[in-house]
Protein backbone atom coordinates (compact mmCIF):
# COMPACT_ATOMS: atom_id res chain seq x y z
CA MET A 1 -14.67 -7.84 -0.72
CA SER A 2 -15.49 -5.78 -3.73
CA ASN A 3 -12.56 -4.74 -5.86
CA SER A 4 -13.86 -1.15 -5.93
CA ILE A 5 -13.86 -0.99 -2.10
CA MET A 6 -10.27 -2.18 -2.07
CA ARG A 7 -9.38 0.26 -4.84
CA ASP A 8 -11.03 3.14 -2.94
CA LYS A 9 -9.26 2.23 0.31
CA ALA A 10 -5.94 2.01 -1.50
CA LYS A 11 -6.47 5.44 -3.07
CA GLU A 12 -7.31 6.99 0.32
CA PHE A 13 -4.23 5.28 1.74
CA ALA A 14 -2.07 6.70 -1.07
CA LYS A 15 -3.37 10.19 -0.29
CA SER A 16 -2.46 9.71 3.38
CA ILE A 17 1.03 8.63 2.33
CA VAL A 18 1.41 11.68 0.07
CA PHE A 19 0.39 14.03 2.88
CA LEU A 20 2.68 12.29 5.40
CA CYS A 21 5.64 12.36 3.02
CA ARG A 22 4.99 15.99 2.13
CA ASN A 23 5.12 16.90 5.83
CA MET A 24 8.30 14.90 6.43
CA LYS A 25 9.98 16.46 3.40
CA ALA A 26 9.07 19.92 4.67
CA GLU A 27 10.84 19.01 7.92
CA HIS A 28 13.80 17.61 5.95
CA LYS A 29 13.48 14.19 7.57
CA GLU A 30 15.29 11.21 6.02
CA MET A 31 14.58 12.19 2.42
CA VAL A 32 15.73 8.92 0.88
CA LEU A 33 13.49 6.85 3.17
CA VAL A 34 10.57 9.22 2.66
CA ASN A 35 10.93 8.85 -1.11
CA GLN A 36 10.92 5.05 -0.73
CA LEU A 37 7.74 5.24 1.37
CA LEU A 38 6.11 7.56 -1.16
CA ARG A 39 6.95 5.22 -4.02
CA SER A 40 5.79 1.99 -2.37
CA GLY A 41 2.77 3.50 -0.60
CA THR A 42 1.32 4.99 -3.76
CA SER A 43 2.20 1.95 -5.87
CA ILE A 44 -0.29 -0.22 -3.96
CA GLY A 45 -3.30 1.64 -5.30
CA ALA A 46 -1.79 2.04 -8.75
CA ASN A 47 -1.39 -1.73 -9.11
CA ILE A 48 -4.88 -2.44 -7.76
CA HIS A 49 -6.28 0.09 -10.23
CA GLU A 50 -4.23 -1.39 -13.05
CA ALA A 51 -5.55 -4.87 -12.22
CA GLN A 52 -9.01 -3.62 -13.22
CA TYR A 53 -7.74 -3.48 -16.80
CA ALA A 54 -5.81 -6.75 -16.72
CA GLN A 55 -5.40 -8.77 -19.89
CA GLY A 56 -6.71 -11.92 -18.26
CA THR A 57 -6.68 -13.76 -14.97
CA ARG A 58 -2.91 -14.27 -14.85
CA ASP A 59 -2.29 -10.57 -15.39
CA PHE A 60 -4.95 -9.70 -12.77
CA ILE A 61 -3.28 -11.98 -10.22
CA SER A 62 0.14 -10.57 -11.06
CA LYS A 63 -1.01 -6.98 -10.47
CA LEU A 64 -2.59 -7.87 -7.12
CA GLU A 65 0.53 -9.79 -6.08
CA ILE A 66 2.66 -6.74 -6.89
CA ALA A 67 0.29 -4.58 -4.83
CA GLN A 68 0.64 -7.06 -1.96
CA LYS A 69 4.43 -6.90 -2.15
CA GLU A 70 4.24 -3.10 -2.12
CA CYS A 71 2.11 -3.32 1.04
CA TYR A 72 4.81 -5.34 2.76
CA GLU A 73 7.48 -2.89 1.61
CA THR A 74 5.40 0.08 2.78
CA GLU A 75 4.96 -1.51 6.19
CA TYR A 76 8.74 -1.86 6.40
CA TRP A 77 9.41 1.81 5.57
CA LEU A 78 6.71 2.96 8.00
CA GLU A 79 8.19 0.83 10.76
CA LEU A 80 11.71 2.06 10.06
CA LEU A 81 10.64 5.71 10.01
CA TYR A 82 8.67 5.24 13.24
CA GLU A 83 11.51 3.44 15.03
CA THR A 84 13.94 6.20 14.05
CA GLY A 85 11.66 8.93 15.38
CA CYS A 86 10.54 10.39 12.07
CA ILE A 87 6.85 9.49 12.50
CA GLU A 88 4.81 10.06 15.64
CA GLU A 89 3.27 6.95 17.21
CA ALA A 90 -0.38 7.91 16.62
CA ILE A 91 0.22 8.63 12.93
CA TYR A 92 2.29 5.47 12.54
CA LYS A 93 -0.35 3.25 14.13
CA SER A 94 -3.15 4.73 12.03
CA ILE A 95 -1.33 4.45 8.70
CA GLN A 96 0.12 1.02 9.55
CA ASN A 97 -3.38 -0.20 10.41
CA ASP A 98 -4.74 1.06 7.08
CA CYS A 99 -1.89 -0.62 5.21
CA GLY A 100 -2.53 -3.89 7.03
CA ALA A 101 -6.23 -3.74 6.17
CA ILE A 102 -5.45 -3.33 2.47
CA ARG A 103 -2.91 -6.16 2.64
CA ARG A 104 -5.51 -8.46 4.19
CA MET A 105 -7.99 -7.54 1.44
CA LEU A 106 -5.36 -8.36 -1.17
CA ILE A 107 -4.57 -11.70 0.47
CA SER A 108 -8.26 -12.58 0.57
CA SER A 109 -8.85 -11.53 -3.03
CA LEU A 110 -5.84 -13.50 -4.23
CA LYS A 111 -6.94 -16.63 -2.36
CA THR A 112 -10.42 -16.34 -3.87
CA ILE A 113 -9.28 -15.82 -7.46
CA LYS A 114 -6.65 -18.58 -7.22
CA ALA A 115 -9.21 -21.02 -5.76
CA LYS A 116 -11.51 -20.34 -8.72
CA GLN A 117 -8.70 -21.33 -11.09
CA GLU A 118 -8.32 -24.78 -9.58
């Protein structure tokens, strides 16, 4: 999958996270957890974007691996907020699905780039 498609999806995902967190903050819901979600959810796209300007293959892989870790962390915060009643099921499922799609793209990209190194 093209890196720009992944980058675009990650940016759209980050915007969804910003809007979700903004709404939860307005309702004064679990501010610490919301801040964690905001940080990790927007970090995915930032690291994918930063990978575009990597200083070589190792740096590129490192940035994508960080983005992947942020995906896993974001999934955790989403799940926790959903299970504690802070996020409605429909919103949770939609955002969780988007996060999973980006994670799968990252996994695929990392497998491809690492295979080329061998």
